C-alpha cells in the first residue's frame, strides 16, 4: 500500500513554519506517483489541533497560508483520505472535512471551540459545511465541546467509523476504494458539488447535463464504459 499512497503527517498545531512545511509536504504528495494522499495524525493521540492562536502575530500571513491549504486540497489531482486516531480540533477538523473520505477510530474526538477564544471558524467553515449541515455546524460551534466519533459519523464528518485498536485495515480498504475512481471525475465532483449549491435548480440541472454530455465524449470515460459493457465490474476491482 505504501507505493499506492503518499502519507502526509500533520503537525499537532499549525504555527507559521509548520503551515509552510505542510503546504510543501502536500505539494510533494500530490506530485508523487502515489495514487492516494493520506493525511495522518501528528501523534498517537492527536490528529491536529488546528491553527495556533498566536499565528496571526505575523500580520495575517499564517492565516492566509492556512486558507491556501484548503485551495490546494480542493484542487488535488489525487483522492484525499484522512486517517484520524485522536483529537481533531478546529482547523484539524477542517483539514479532515476537506478530504474525500474520512476514516476515524472510535476513540477519536472532534471539536469546534473557536468561540471560546472569541474567534469564528471562518477559514474552515466552507469545508466543514460541505460535510455537515450548516445548522449542525453552528450547534457544534456554539456548544464548543468535544464530540465522540459516533456523533461525528452521524453528523457526516466521518465516513468509516472503526471499532477496535487499529484503523490500518480500514485505511487499506479506503485506499483500495479510492484507487478505483477516475481522479479527474473526482476533481470535477468536488468543484461541481460546491458550485451547484449556489445555483437555482433549473440552472444546476441544465449545467449538469452539459457537464455529463461533455464527459461522456472523453476517451477515458468511453474506455471505462466499454470495459463495463464487456463484463468488467469496476466496483469489484
C-alpha atoms as a PDB file:
ATOM      1  CA  UNK A   1       0.000   0.000   0.000  1.00  0.00           C
ATOM      2  CA  UNK A   2       2.929   2.354   0.570  1.00  0.00           C
ATOM      3  CA  UNK A   3       3.554   2.517  -3.200  1.00  0.00           C
ATOM      4  CA  UNK A   4      -0.109   3.419  -3.663  1.00  0.00           C
ATOM      5  CA  UNK A   5      -0.236   6.130  -1.002  1.00  0.00           C
ATOM      6  CA  UNK A   6       1.663   9.276  -0.142  1.00  0.00           C
ATOM      7  CA  UNK A   7       1.332   9.948   3.580  1.00  0.00           C
ATOM      8  CA  UNK A   8       1.377  13.481   4.948  1.00  0.00           C
ATOM      9  CA  UNK A   9       1.823  13.787   8.712  1.00  0.00           C
ATOM     10  CA  UNK A  10       0.051  16.799  10.143  1.00  0.00           C
ATOM     11  CA  UNK A  11       1.655  18.955  12.835  1.00  0.00           C
ATOM     12  CA  UNK A  12      -0.030  18.958  16.218  1.00  0.00           C
ATOM     13  CA  UNK A  13      -0.598  22.700  15.963  1.00  0.00           C
ATOM     14  CA  UNK A  14      -0.228  24.887  12.914  1.00  0.00           C
ATOM     15  CA  UNK A  15       2.127  27.799  13.537  1.00  0.00           C
ATOM     16  CA  UNK A  16       3.665  29.811  10.659  1.00  0.00           C
ATOM     17  CA  UNK A  17       6.638  27.465   9.988  1.00  0.00           C
ATOM     18  CA  UNK A  18       4.514  24.317  10.160  1.00  0.00           C
ATOM     19  CA  UNK A  19       1.912  25.754   7.764  1.00  0.00           C
ATOM     20  CA  UNK A  20       4.674  26.338   5.223  1.00  0.00           C
ATOM     21  CA  UNK A  21       6.085  22.856   5.812  1.00  0.00           C
ATOM     22  CA  UNK A  22       2.651  21.266   5.470  1.00  0.00           C
ATOM     23  CA  UNK A  23       2.000  23.079   2.189  1.00  0.00           C
ATOM     24  CA  UNK A  24       5.300  21.759   0.819  1.00  0.00           C
ATOM     25  CA  UNK A  25       4.513  18.225   2.001  1.00  0.00           C
ATOM     26  CA  UNK A  26       1.108  18.349   0.328  1.00  0.00           C
ATOM     27  CA  UNK A  27       2.634  19.584  -2.923  1.00  0.00           C
ATOM     28  CA  UNK A  28       5.162  16.744  -2.852  1.00  0.00           C
ATOM     29  CA  UNK A  29       2.460  14.170  -2.161  1.00  0.00           C
ATOM     30  CA  UNK A  30       0.204  15.453  -4.906  1.00  0.00           C
ATOM     31  CA  UNK A  31       3.015  15.412  -7.466  1.00  0.00           C
ATOM     32  CA  UNK A  32       4.267  11.968  -6.435  1.00  0.00           C
ATOM     33  CA  UNK A  33       3.463   8.720  -8.315  1.00  0.00           C
ATOM     34  CA  UNK A  34       1.179   7.687  -5.434  1.00  0.00           C
ATOM     35  CA  UNK A  35      -2.499   7.310  -6.287  1.00  0.00           C
ATOM     36  CA  UNK A  36      -3.946   8.422  -2.935  1.00  0.00           C
ATOM     37  CA  UNK A  37      -2.813  11.092  -0.460  1.00  0.00           C
ATOM     38  CA  UNK A  38      -3.364  10.110   3.175  1.00  0.00           C
ATOM     39  CA  UNK A  39      -3.401  12.718   5.956  1.00  0.00           C
ATOM     40  CA  UNK A  40      -2.326  11.174   9.248  1.00  0.00           C
ATOM     41  CA  UNK A  41      -2.101  12.487  12.780  1.00  0.00           C
ATOM     42  CA  UNK A  42       0.726  14.273  14.463  1.00  0.00           C
ATOM     43  CA  UNK A  43       0.948  11.643  17.230  1.00  0.00           C
ATOM     44  CA  UNK A  44      -0.807   8.634  18.672  1.00  0.00           C
ATOM     45  CA  UNK A  45      -3.353  10.906  20.363  1.00  0.00           C
ATOM     46  CA  UNK A  46      -3.593  13.962  18.104  1.00  0.00           C
ATOM     47  CA  UNK A  47      -4.719  14.295  14.505  1.00  0.00           C
ATOM     48  CA  UNK A  48      -4.338  18.090  14.511  1.00  0.00           C
ATOM     49  CA  UNK A  49      -5.268  20.891  16.913  1.00  0.00           C
ATOM     50  CA  UNK A  50      -5.509  23.480  14.159  1.00  0.00           C
ATOM     51  CA  UNK A  51      -4.106  26.965  13.809  1.00  0.00           C
ATOM     52  CA  UNK A  52      -2.134  28.294  16.764  1.00  0.00           C
ATOM     53  CA  UNK A  53      -3.818  31.263  18.419  1.00  0.00           C
ATOM     54  CA  UNK A  54      -0.679  33.383  18.001  1.00  0.00           C
ATOM     55  CA  UNK A  55      -0.373  32.580  14.288  1.00  0.00           C
ATOM     56  CA  UNK A  56      -1.821  35.983  13.408  1.00  0.00           C
ATOM     57  CA  UNK A  57       1.131  37.739  15.047  1.00  0.00           C
ATOM     58  CA  UNK A  58       2.895  37.772  11.677  1.00  0.00           C
ATOM     59  CA  UNK A  59       0.365  40.174  10.174  1.00  0.00           C
ATOM     60  CA  UNK A  60      -2.025  37.514   8.933  1.00  0.00           C
ATOM     61  CA  UNK A  61       0.399  35.645   6.668  1.00  0.00           C
ATOM     62  CA  UNK A  62      -0.134  32.385   8.553  1.00  0.00           C
ATOM     63  CA  UNK A  63      -3.920  32.604   8.377  1.00  0.00           C
ATOM     64  CA  UNK A  64      -3.724  33.353   4.655  1.00  0.00           C
ATOM     65  CA  UNK A  65      -1.324  30.448   4.152  1.00  0.00           C
ATOM     66  CA  UNK A  66      -3.634  28.174   6.130  1.00  0.00           C
ATOM     67  CA  UNK A  67      -6.548  29.255   3.931  1.00  0.00           C
ATOM     68  CA  UNK A  68      -4.452  28.488   0.849  1.00  0.00           C
ATOM     69  CA  UNK A  69      -4.023  24.905   2.100  1.00  0.00           C
ATOM     70  CA  UNK A  70      -7.723  24.326   1.508  1.00  0.00           C
ATOM     71  CA  UNK A  71      -7.448  25.578  -2.056  1.00  0.00           C
ATOM     72  CA  UNK A  72      -4.606  23.056  -2.521  1.00  0.00           C
ATOM     73  CA  UNK A  73      -6.710  20.260  -1.108  1.00  0.00           C
ATOM     74  CA  UNK A  74      -9.747  21.222  -3.177  1.00  0.00           C
ATOM     75  CA  UNK A  75      -7.652  21.148  -6.358  1.00  0.00           C
ATOM     76  CA  UNK A  76      -5.813  17.938  -5.504  1.00  0.00           C
ATOM     77  CA  UNK A  77      -5.382  15.731  -8.586  1.00  0.00           C
ATOM     78  CA  UNK A  78      -5.440  12.691  -6.290  1.00  0.00           C
ATOM     79  CA  UNK A  79      -8.053  11.337  -3.879  1.00  0.00           C
ATOM     80  CA  UNK A  80      -7.601  12.559  -0.306  1.00  0.00           C
ATOM     81  CA  UNK A  81      -8.036  10.311   2.713  1.00  0.00           C
ATOM     82  CA  UNK A  82      -7.968  11.435   6.365  1.00  0.00           C
ATOM     83  CA  UNK A  83      -6.977   8.768   8.895  1.00  0.00           C
ATOM     84  CA  UNK A  84      -7.961  10.027  12.360  1.00  0.00           C
ATOM     85  CA  UNK A  85      -6.990   8.291  15.572  1.00  0.00           C
ATOM     86  CA  UNK A  86      -7.056  11.080  18.141  1.00  0.00           C
ATOM     87  CA  UNK A  87      -8.122  14.691  18.553  1.00  0.00           C
ATOM     88  CA  UNK A  88      -9.268  16.699  15.528  1.00  0.00           C
ATOM     89  CA  UNK A  89      -9.909  20.207  16.811  1.00  0.00           C
ATOM     90  CA  UNK A  90     -10.703  23.444  14.995  1.00  0.00           C
ATOM     91  CA  UNK A  91      -8.543  23.653  11.911  1.00  0.00           C
ATOM     92  CA  UNK A  92      -7.658  19.986  12.317  1.00  0.00           C
ATOM     93  CA  UNK A  93     -11.309  19.104  11.914  1.00  0.00           C
ATOM     94  CA  UNK A  94     -11.359  21.418   8.895  1.00  0.00           C
ATOM     95  CA  UNK A  95      -8.475  19.547   7.262  1.00  0.00           C
ATOM     96  CA  UNK A  96     -10.353  16.282   7.734  1.00  0.00           C
ATOM     97  CA  UNK A  97     -13.520  17.758   6.238  1.00  0.00           C
ATOM     98  CA  UNK A  98     -11.563  18.846   3.163  1.00  0.00           C
ATOM     99  CA  UNK A  99     -10.725  15.216   2.372  1.00  0.00           C
ATOM    100  CA  UNK A 100     -12.738  12.960   0.084  1.00  0.00           C
ATOM    101  CA  UNK A 101     -13.014  10.169   2.662  1.00  0.00           C
ATOM    102  CA  UNK A 102     -12.529  10.162   6.430  1.00  0.00           C
ATOM    103  CA  UNK A 103     -11.670   7.082   8.493  1.00  0.00           C
ATOM    104  CA  UNK A 104     -11.701   7.501  12.269  1.00  0.00           C
ATOM    105  CA  UNK A 105     -11.209   5.252  15.268  1.00  0.00           C
ATOM    106  CA  UNK A 106     -13.884   5.155  17.941  1.00  0.00           C
ATOM    107  CA  UNK A 107     -11.522   6.886  20.370  1.00  0.00           C
ATOM    108  CA  UNK A 108     -11.199   9.945  18.119  1.00  0.00           C
ATOM    109  CA  UNK A 109     -12.748  13.229  19.214  1.00  0.00           C
ATOM    110  CA  UNK A 110     -13.825  16.320  17.307  1.00  0.00           C
ATOM    111  CA  UNK A 111     -14.493  19.927  18.311  1.00  0.00           C
ATOM    112  CA  UNK A 112     -15.049  23.452  17.035  1.00  0.00           C
ATOM    113  CA  UNK A 113     -14.042  25.528  20.088  1.00  0.00           C
ATOM    114  CA  UNK A 114     -13.212  28.828  18.365  1.00  0.00           C
ATOM    115  CA  UNK A 115     -15.989  30.846  20.020  1.00  0.00           C
ATOM    116  CA  UNK A 116     -14.431  30.127  23.417  1.00  0.00           C
ATOM    117  CA  UNK A 117     -11.478  32.265  22.339  1.00  0.00           C
ATOM    118  CA  UNK A 118     -13.621  34.962  20.745  1.00  0.00           C
ATOM    119  CA  UNK A 119     -12.949  33.634  17.249  1.00  0.00           C
ATOM    120  CA  UNK A 120     -15.104  32.215  14.473  1.00  0.00           C
ATOM    121  CA  UNK A 121     -14.124  29.104  12.464  1.00  0.00           C
ATOM    122  CA  UNK A 122     -14.240  31.300   9.388  1.00  0.00           C
ATOM    123  CA  UNK A 123     -11.435  29.717   7.343  1.00  0.00           C
ATOM    124  CA  UNK A 124     -12.706  26.172   7.734  1.00  0.00           C
ATOM    125  CA  UNK A 125     -16.451  26.925   7.611  1.00  0.00           C
ATOM    126  CA  UNK A 126     -16.816  26.279   3.847  1.00  0.00           C
ATOM    127  CA  UNK A 127     -15.302  22.789   4.069  1.00  0.00           C
ATOM    128  CA  UNK A 128     -16.995  21.945   7.376  1.00  0.00           C
ATOM    129  CA  UNK A 129     -20.385  22.768   5.855  1.00  0.00           C
ATOM    130  CA  UNK A 130     -19.525  20.663   2.807  1.00  0.00           C
ATOM    131  CA  UNK A 131     -19.848  17.712   5.202  1.00  0.00           C
ATOM    132  CA  UNK A 132     -22.117  18.912   7.989  1.00  0.00           C
ATOM    133  CA  UNK A 133     -25.467  20.623   7.641  1.00  0.00           C
ATOM    134  CA  UNK A 134     -24.887  24.322   8.410  1.00  0.00           C
ATOM    135  CA  UNK A 135     -27.238  24.295  11.393  1.00  0.00           C
ATOM    136  CA  UNK A 136     -25.373  21.295  12.855  1.00  0.00           C
ATOM    137  CA  UNK A 137     -22.024  23.011  12.367  1.00  0.00           C
ATOM    138  CA  UNK A 138     -23.467  26.070  14.104  1.00  0.00           C
ATOM    139  CA  UNK A 139     -24.641  23.923  17.018  1.00  0.00           C
ATOM    140  CA  UNK A 140     -21.194  22.348  17.335  1.00  0.00           C
ATOM    141  CA  UNK A 141     -19.568  25.783  17.278  1.00  0.00           C
ATOM    142  CA  UNK A 142     -21.877  27.286  19.887  1.00  0.00           C
ATOM    143  CA  UNK A 143     -21.714  24.273  22.208  1.00  0.00           C
ATOM    144  CA  UNK A 144     -17.918  24.180  21.685  1.00  0.00           C
ATOM    145  CA  UNK A 145     -17.404  20.871  23.498  1.00  0.00           C
ATOM    146  CA  UNK A 146     -15.708  17.763  22.120  1.00  0.00           C
ATOM    147  CA  UNK A 147     -17.797  15.168  20.307  1.00  0.00           C
ATOM    148  CA  UNK A 148     -17.152  11.465  20.038  1.00  0.00           C
ATOM    149  CA  UNK A 149     -16.517   9.644  16.793  1.00  0.00           C
ATOM    150  CA  UNK A 150     -20.030   8.176  16.684  1.00  0.00           C
ATOM    151  CA  UNK A 151     -21.553  11.658  16.812  1.00  0.00           C
ATOM    152  CA  UNK A 152     -19.113  12.840  14.148  1.00  0.00           C
ATOM    153  CA  UNK A 153     -20.167   9.892  11.993  1.00  0.00           C
ATOM    154  CA  UNK A 154     -23.824  10.821  12.431  1.00  0.00           C
ATOM    155  CA  UNK A 155     -23.052  14.446  11.521  1.00  0.00           C
ATOM    156  CA  UNK A 156     -21.311  13.433   8.286  1.00  0.00           C
ATOM    157  CA  UNK A 157     -17.741  14.265   9.309  1.00  0.00           C
ATOM    158  CA  UNK A 158     -16.645  10.609   9.478  1.00  0.00           C
ATOM    159  CA  UNK A 159     -17.337   8.167   6.649  1.00  0.00           C
ATOM    160  CA  UNK A 160     -15.962   4.985   8.219  1.00  0.00           C
ATOM    161  CA  UNK A 161     -16.011   4.548  11.991  1.00  0.00           C
ATOM    162  CA  UNK A 162     -13.556   1.889  13.138  1.00  0.00           C
ATOM    163  CA  UNK A 163     -14.137  -0.188  16.253  1.00  0.00           C
ATOM    164  CA  UNK A 164     -11.080  -1.786  17.764  1.00  0.00           C
ATOM    165  CA  UNK A 165      -7.480  -0.888  18.340  1.00  0.00           C
ATOM    166  CA  UNK A 166      -6.205  -0.194  14.828  1.00  0.00           C
ATOM    167  CA  UNK A 167      -7.528   1.708  11.852  1.00  0.00           C
ATOM    168  CA  UNK A 168      -4.922   0.322   9.430  1.00  0.00           C
ATOM    169  CA  UNK A 169      -7.292  -2.218   7.894  1.00  0.00           C
ATOM    170  CA  UNK A 170      -9.963   0.431   7.328  1.00  0.00           C
ATOM    171  CA  UNK A 171      -7.395   2.744   5.765  1.00  0.00           C
ATOM    172  CA  UNK A 172      -6.379  -0.083   3.435  1.00  0.00           C
ATOM    173  CA  UNK A 173      -9.989  -0.653   2.391  1.00  0.00           C
ATOM    174  CA  UNK A 174     -10.498   3.052   1.793  1.00  0.00           C
ATOM    175  CA  UNK A 175      -7.338   3.279  -0.316  1.00  0.00           C
ATOM    176  CA  UNK A 176      -8.495   0.384  -2.497  1.00  0.00           C
ATOM    177  CA  UNK A 177     -11.890   2.055  -2.906  1.00  0.00           C
ATOM    178  CA  UNK A 178     -10.362   5.414  -3.857  1.00  0.00           C
ATOM    179  CA  UNK A 179      -7.946   3.784  -6.309  1.00  0.00           C
ATOM    180  CA  UNK A 180     -10.920   2.516  -8.343  1.00  0.00           C
ATOM    181  CA  UNK A 181     -12.109   6.047  -9.039  1.00  0.00           C
ATOM    182  CA  UNK A 182     -11.185   8.158 -12.024  1.00  0.00           C
ATOM    183  CA  UNK A 183      -9.209  11.052 -10.435  1.00  0.00           C
ATOM    184  CA  UNK A 184     -10.381  13.655 -12.934  1.00  0.00           C
ATOM    185  CA  UNK A 185     -14.011  12.765 -12.245  1.00  0.00           C
ATOM    186  CA  UNK A 186     -13.413  13.096  -8.513  1.00  0.00           C
ATOM    187  CA  UNK A 187     -11.905  16.559  -9.044  1.00  0.00           C
ATOM    188  CA  UNK A 188     -14.958  17.538 -11.073  1.00  0.00           C
ATOM    189  CA  UNK A 189     -17.231  16.240  -8.319  1.00  0.00           C
ATOM    190  CA  UNK A 190     -15.512  18.438  -5.712  1.00  0.00           C
ATOM    191  CA  UNK A 191     -15.870  21.506  -7.898  1.00  0.00           C
ATOM    192  CA  UNK A 192     -19.428  20.804  -9.037  1.00  0.00           C
ATOM    193  CA  UNK A 193     -20.697  19.997  -5.551  1.00  0.00           C
ATOM    194  CA  UNK A 194     -19.579  23.453  -4.423  1.00  0.00           C
ATOM    195  CA  UNK A 195     -20.698  25.447  -7.479  1.00  0.00           C
ATOM    196  CA  UNK A 196     -24.090  23.764  -7.860  1.00  0.00           C
ATOM    197  CA  UNK A 197     -25.150  24.703  -4.320  1.00  0.00           C
ATOM    198  CA  UNK A 198     -25.277  28.372  -5.321  1.00  0.00           C
ATOM    199  CA  UNK A 199     -27.372  27.803  -8.475  1.00  0.00           C
ATOM    200  CA  UNK A 200     -31.146  27.628  -8.960  1.00  0.00           C
ATOM    201  CA  UNK A 201     -32.312  24.063  -9.537  1.00  0.00           C
ATOM    202  CA  UNK A 202     -33.174  24.503 -13.227  1.00  0.00           C
ATOM    203  CA  UNK A 203     -29.805  26.108 -13.943  1.00  0.00           C
ATOM    204  CA  UNK A 204     -27.955  23.456 -11.972  1.00  0.00           C
ATOM    205  CA  UNK A 205     -29.594  20.517 -13.722  1.00  0.00           C
ATOM    206  CA  UNK A 206     -29.119  22.109 -17.154  1.00  0.00           C
ATOM    207  CA  UNK A 207     -25.454  22.771 -16.418  1.00  0.00           C
ATOM    208  CA  UNK A 208     -25.138  19.242 -15.082  1.00  0.00           C
ATOM    209  CA  UNK A 209     -26.492  17.904 -18.354  1.00  0.00           C
ATOM    210  CA  UNK A 210     -23.838  19.785 -20.302  1.00  0.00           C
ATOM    211  CA  UNK A 211     -21.085  18.578 -17.975  1.00  0.00           C
ATOM    212  CA  UNK A 212     -22.257  14.975 -18.312  1.00  0.00           C
ATOM    213  CA  UNK A 213     -22.520  15.157 -22.102  1.00  0.00           C
ATOM    214  CA  UNK A 214     -19.009  16.590 -22.377  1.00  0.00           C
ATOM    215  CA  UNK A 215     -17.505  13.989 -20.070  1.00  0.00           C
ATOM    216  CA  UNK A 216     -19.200  11.126 -21.938  1.00  0.00           C
ATOM    217  CA  UNK A 217     -17.193  12.004 -25.045  1.00  0.00           C
ATOM    218  CA  UNK A 218     -13.793  11.666 -23.350  1.00  0.00           C
ATOM    219  CA  UNK A 219     -11.664   8.614 -24.230  1.00  0.00           C
ATOM    220  CA  UNK A 220     -11.168   7.585 -20.600  1.00  0.00           C
ATOM    221  CA  UNK A 221     -14.896   7.530 -19.864  1.00  0.00           C
ATOM    222  CA  UNK A 222     -15.608   5.651 -23.082  1.00  0.00           C
ATOM    223  CA  UNK A 223     -12.874   3.102 -22.301  1.00  0.00           C
ATOM    224  CA  UNK A 224     -14.234   2.511 -18.814  1.00  0.00           C
ATOM    225  CA  UNK A 225     -17.751   2.144 -20.141  1.00  0.00           C
ATOM    226  CA  UNK A 226     -16.648  -0.347 -22.817  1.00  0.00           C
ATOM    227  CA  UNK A 227     -14.882  -2.385 -20.140  1.00  0.00           C
ATOM    228  CA  UNK A 228     -18.092  -2.405 -18.101  1.00  0.00           C
ATOM    229  CA  UNK A 229     -20.248  -3.498 -21.035  1.00  0.00           C
ATOM    230  CA  UNK A 230     -17.689  -6.248 -21.746  1.00  0.00           C
ATOM    231  CA  UNK A 231     -18.305  -7.649 -18.301  1.00  0.00           C
ATOM    232  CA  UNK A 232     -15.787  -5.878 -16.055  1.00  0.00           C
ATOM    233  CA  UNK A 233     -17.275  -4.760 -12.744  1.00  0.00           C
ATOM    234  CA  UNK A 234     -15.356  -1.627 -11.652  1.00  0.00           C
ATOM    235  CA  UNK A 235     -16.734  -1.756  -8.123  1.00  0.00           C
ATOM    236  CA  UNK A 236     -15.111  -5.172  -7.647  1.00  0.00           C
ATOM    237  CA  UNK A 237     -11.636  -4.096  -8.796  1.00  0.00           C
END
